């Protein structure tokens, strides 16, 4: 794990057990509430998030700091773009 993702996130979104499109819809709402530059940790179990979350970040200009897998979950650290 990188030093960046080892930082304490400003918020955590647990989308475990939810299937497409719910994790990305929840992510959109959660990111909206973060301050500019805030770090969000996302926990998901839907394999489609491996495709959807990086595309979400690319499309909206947020930084996907890191992504990985742990104990059957997909983990993402997203830094909200600066306004």
N, C-alpha and C. Protein backbone atom coordinates (compact mmCIF):
# COMPACT_ATOMS: atom_id res chain seq x y z
N UNK A 1 0.85 -1.18 0.00
CA UNK A 1 0.00 0.00 0.00
C UNK A 1 0.89 1.24 0.00
N UNK A 2 0.51 2.23 -0.80
CA UNK A 2 1.32 3.43 -0.91
C UNK A 2 1.13 4.32 0.32
N UNK A 3 2.00 5.29 0.45
CA UNK A 3 1.89 6.22 1.56
C UNK A 3 0.61 7.03 1.47
N UNK A 4 0.20 7.41 0.24
CA UNK A 4 -1.01 8.21 0.08
C UNK A 4 -2.23 7.48 0.62
N UNK A 5 -2.40 6.21 0.24
CA UNK A 5 -3.59 5.48 0.67
C UNK A 5 -3.51 5.10 2.14
N UNK A 6 -2.32 5.18 2.72
CA UNK A 6 -2.17 4.90 4.14
C UNK A 6 -2.68 6.07 4.98
N UNK A 7 -2.87 7.23 4.32
CA UNK A 7 -3.43 8.39 5.02
C UNK A 7 -4.85 8.06 5.47
N UNK A 8 -5.26 8.70 6.54
CA UNK A 8 -6.63 8.50 7.03
C UNK A 8 -7.58 9.21 6.08
N UNK A 9 -8.56 8.48 5.54
CA UNK A 9 -9.49 9.13 4.61
C UNK A 9 -10.41 10.10 5.33
N UNK A 10 -10.90 11.08 4.58
CA UNK A 10 -11.87 12.03 5.12
C UNK A 10 -13.24 11.39 5.25
N UNK A 11 -13.50 10.37 4.43
CA UNK A 11 -14.78 9.66 4.47
C UNK A 11 -14.58 8.25 3.92
N UNK A 12 -15.48 7.36 4.31
CA UNK A 12 -15.47 5.98 3.83
C UNK A 12 -16.85 5.67 3.28
N UNK A 13 -16.87 5.07 2.10
CA UNK A 13 -18.12 4.61 1.49
C UNK A 13 -18.07 3.09 1.44
N UNK A 14 -18.94 2.44 2.18
CA UNK A 14 -19.02 0.98 2.16
C UNK A 14 -20.19 0.58 1.28
N UNK A 15 -19.87 0.14 0.07
CA UNK A 15 -20.88 -0.29 -0.89
C UNK A 15 -20.91 -1.81 -0.99
N UNK A 16 -20.46 -2.48 0.04
CA UNK A 16 -20.43 -3.95 0.06
C UNK A 16 -21.84 -4.50 -0.13
N UNK A 17 -21.95 -5.53 -0.97
CA UNK A 17 -23.23 -6.19 -1.20
C UNK A 17 -24.11 -5.51 -2.22
N UNK A 18 -23.69 -4.35 -2.72
CA UNK A 18 -24.48 -3.64 -3.71
C UNK A 18 -23.97 -3.94 -5.11
N UNK A 19 -24.86 -3.97 -6.07
CA UNK A 19 -24.50 -4.26 -7.46
C UNK A 19 -24.73 -3.04 -8.34
N UNK A 20 -24.06 -3.06 -9.47
CA UNK A 20 -24.16 -2.00 -10.46
C UNK A 20 -25.62 -1.68 -10.76
N UNK A 21 -26.00 -0.42 -10.76
CA UNK A 21 -25.18 0.81 -10.73
C UNK A 21 -25.09 1.45 -9.35
N UNK A 22 -25.58 0.79 -8.31
CA UNK A 22 -25.66 1.41 -6.98
C UNK A 22 -24.33 1.92 -6.42
N UNK A 23 -23.21 1.15 -6.50
CA UNK A 23 -21.96 1.69 -5.93
C UNK A 23 -21.54 3.03 -6.55
N UNK A 24 -21.66 3.16 -7.86
CA UNK A 24 -21.25 4.41 -8.50
C UNK A 24 -22.23 5.54 -8.18
N UNK A 25 -23.51 5.24 -8.08
CA UNK A 25 -24.48 6.26 -7.70
C UNK A 25 -24.19 6.77 -6.29
N UNK A 26 -23.88 5.85 -5.37
CA UNK A 26 -23.54 6.25 -4.01
C UNK A 26 -22.22 7.04 -3.99
N UNK A 27 -21.27 6.60 -4.80
CA UNK A 27 -19.98 7.29 -4.90
C UNK A 27 -20.18 8.73 -5.36
N UNK A 28 -21.02 8.92 -6.34
CA UNK A 28 -21.28 10.27 -6.86
C UNK A 28 -21.79 11.18 -5.74
N UNK A 29 -22.72 10.70 -4.95
CA UNK A 29 -23.28 11.49 -3.85
C UNK A 29 -22.25 11.75 -2.76
N UNK A 30 -21.44 10.74 -2.44
CA UNK A 30 -20.45 10.87 -1.37
C UNK A 30 -19.36 11.86 -1.76
N UNK A 31 -18.90 11.79 -3.01
CA UNK A 31 -17.85 12.71 -3.47
C UNK A 31 -18.35 14.15 -3.42
N UNK A 32 -19.61 14.35 -3.74
CA UNK A 32 -20.19 15.68 -3.73
C UNK A 32 -20.07 16.32 -2.34
N UNK A 33 -20.15 15.51 -1.29
CA UNK A 33 -20.10 16.02 0.09
C UNK A 33 -18.68 16.24 0.60
N UNK A 34 -17.67 15.74 -0.11
CA UNK A 34 -16.28 15.89 0.33
C UNK A 34 -15.77 17.29 0.02
N UNK A 35 -14.85 17.79 0.84
CA UNK A 35 -14.19 19.05 0.49
C UNK A 35 -13.24 18.82 -0.69
N UNK A 36 -12.93 19.86 -1.44
CA UNK A 36 -11.97 19.75 -2.53
C UNK A 36 -10.65 19.19 -2.00
N UNK A 37 -10.10 18.21 -2.67
CA UNK A 37 -8.85 17.58 -2.23
C UNK A 37 -9.05 16.51 -1.18
N UNK A 38 -10.29 16.27 -0.76
CA UNK A 38 -10.58 15.27 0.26
C UNK A 38 -10.32 13.85 -0.25
N UNK A 39 -9.99 12.96 0.67
CA UNK A 39 -9.69 11.57 0.34
C UNK A 39 -10.84 10.68 0.77
N UNK A 40 -11.33 9.87 -0.16
CA UNK A 40 -12.43 8.95 0.09
C UNK A 40 -11.95 7.53 -0.11
N UNK A 41 -12.27 6.67 0.84
CA UNK A 41 -12.00 5.23 0.69
C UNK A 41 -13.32 4.56 0.35
N UNK A 42 -13.31 3.75 -0.71
CA UNK A 42 -14.50 3.02 -1.13
C UNK A 42 -14.24 1.53 -0.97
N UNK A 43 -15.21 0.85 -0.38
CA UNK A 43 -15.17 -0.61 -0.22
C UNK A 43 -16.34 -1.16 -1.01
N UNK A 44 -16.07 -2.08 -1.92
CA UNK A 44 -17.13 -2.65 -2.76
C UNK A 44 -16.89 -4.14 -2.95
N UNK A 45 -17.95 -4.86 -3.27
CA UNK A 45 -17.84 -6.29 -3.56
C UNK A 45 -18.22 -6.61 -5.00
N UNK A 46 -18.78 -5.66 -5.72
CA UNK A 46 -19.19 -5.87 -7.10
C UNK A 46 -17.97 -5.77 -8.02
N UNK A 47 -17.64 -6.83 -8.75
CA UNK A 47 -16.47 -6.79 -9.64
C UNK A 47 -16.55 -5.71 -10.72
N UNK A 48 -17.75 -5.28 -11.08
CA UNK A 48 -17.86 -4.24 -12.11
C UNK A 48 -17.29 -2.90 -11.65
N UNK A 49 -17.09 -2.73 -10.34
CA UNK A 49 -16.49 -1.48 -9.87
C UNK A 49 -15.05 -1.34 -10.34
N UNK A 50 -14.39 -2.46 -10.67
CA UNK A 50 -13.01 -2.38 -11.18
C UNK A 50 -12.97 -1.60 -12.49
N UNK A 51 -14.06 -1.63 -13.23
CA UNK A 51 -14.17 -0.88 -14.48
C UNK A 51 -14.83 0.48 -14.23
N UNK A 52 -15.91 0.47 -13.46
CA UNK A 52 -16.75 1.66 -13.32
C UNK A 52 -16.11 2.78 -12.52
N UNK A 53 -15.43 2.46 -11.43
CA UNK A 53 -14.87 3.51 -10.57
C UNK A 53 -13.71 4.24 -11.25
N UNK A 54 -12.76 3.53 -11.90
CA UNK A 54 -11.72 4.29 -12.63
C UNK A 54 -12.31 5.19 -13.73
N UNK A 55 -13.35 4.71 -14.43
CA UNK A 55 -13.98 5.54 -15.46
C UNK A 55 -14.69 6.74 -14.85
N UNK A 56 -15.32 6.54 -13.71
CA UNK A 56 -15.96 7.64 -12.98
C UNK A 56 -14.94 8.73 -12.67
N UNK A 57 -13.79 8.31 -12.13
CA UNK A 57 -12.74 9.28 -11.77
C UNK A 57 -12.21 10.00 -13.00
N UNK A 58 -11.94 9.27 -14.04
CA UNK A 58 -11.42 9.86 -15.27
C UNK A 58 -12.41 10.86 -15.85
N UNK A 59 -13.67 10.49 -15.91
CA UNK A 59 -14.70 11.33 -16.51
C UNK A 59 -14.92 12.62 -15.72
N UNK A 60 -14.88 12.53 -14.38
CA UNK A 60 -15.16 13.71 -13.55
C UNK A 60 -13.92 14.44 -13.05
N UNK A 61 -12.73 13.91 -13.35
CA UNK A 61 -11.49 14.61 -13.01
C UNK A 61 -10.96 14.36 -11.61
N UNK A 62 -11.49 13.35 -10.93
CA UNK A 62 -10.97 13.00 -9.60
C UNK A 62 -9.76 12.09 -9.77
N UNK A 63 -8.90 12.05 -8.76
CA UNK A 63 -7.70 11.22 -8.82
C UNK A 63 -7.96 9.87 -8.16
N UNK A 64 -7.76 8.81 -8.92
CA UNK A 64 -7.80 7.46 -8.34
C UNK A 64 -6.40 7.21 -7.80
N UNK A 65 -6.23 7.42 -6.51
CA UNK A 65 -4.92 7.35 -5.88
C UNK A 65 -4.41 5.91 -5.90
N UNK A 66 -5.30 4.99 -5.56
CA UNK A 66 -4.91 3.57 -5.52
C UNK A 66 -6.15 2.71 -5.55
N UNK A 67 -5.98 1.49 -6.05
CA UNK A 67 -7.04 0.51 -5.96
C UNK A 67 -6.41 -0.84 -5.68
N UNK A 68 -7.17 -1.72 -5.02
CA UNK A 68 -6.65 -3.03 -4.70
C UNK A 68 -7.76 -3.96 -4.27
N UNK A 69 -7.37 -5.18 -3.92
CA UNK A 69 -8.33 -6.18 -3.45
C UNK A 69 -7.85 -6.72 -2.11
N UNK A 70 -8.81 -6.98 -1.24
CA UNK A 70 -8.48 -7.52 0.08
C UNK A 70 -9.67 -8.31 0.61
N UNK A 71 -9.47 -9.56 0.91
CA UNK A 71 -10.49 -10.42 1.52
C UNK A 71 -11.83 -10.36 0.79
N UNK A 72 -11.78 -10.47 -0.54
CA UNK A 72 -13.01 -10.50 -1.32
C UNK A 72 -13.65 -9.16 -1.58
N UNK A 73 -13.00 -8.09 -1.18
CA UNK A 73 -13.52 -6.74 -1.42
C UNK A 73 -12.57 -5.98 -2.34
N UNK A 74 -13.14 -5.04 -3.05
CA UNK A 74 -12.36 -4.13 -3.90
C UNK A 74 -12.27 -2.81 -3.17
N UNK A 75 -11.05 -2.29 -3.08
CA UNK A 75 -10.79 -1.06 -2.33
C UNK A 75 -10.27 0.02 -3.26
N UNK A 76 -10.76 1.23 -3.05
CA UNK A 76 -10.37 2.37 -3.87
C UNK A 76 -10.12 3.57 -2.97
N UNK A 77 -9.09 4.34 -3.30
CA UNK A 77 -8.82 5.60 -2.62
C UNK A 77 -8.92 6.68 -3.69
N UNK A 78 -9.85 7.60 -3.50
CA UNK A 78 -10.14 8.62 -4.48
C UNK A 78 -9.95 9.99 -3.85
N UNK A 79 -9.16 10.84 -4.53
CA UNK A 79 -8.97 12.21 -4.07
C UNK A 79 -9.84 13.11 -4.95
N UNK A 80 -10.73 13.86 -4.28
CA UNK A 80 -11.63 14.74 -5.01
C UNK A 80 -10.84 15.87 -5.67
N UNK A 81 -11.21 16.16 -6.88
CA UNK A 81 -10.50 17.22 -7.62
C UNK A 81 -10.64 18.55 -6.90
N UNK A 82 -9.65 19.37 -7.10
CA UNK A 82 -9.67 20.73 -6.55
C UNK A 82 -10.62 21.55 -7.39
N UNK A 83 -11.42 22.35 -6.75
CA UNK A 83 -12.40 23.17 -7.49
C UNK A 83 -11.73 24.29 -8.24
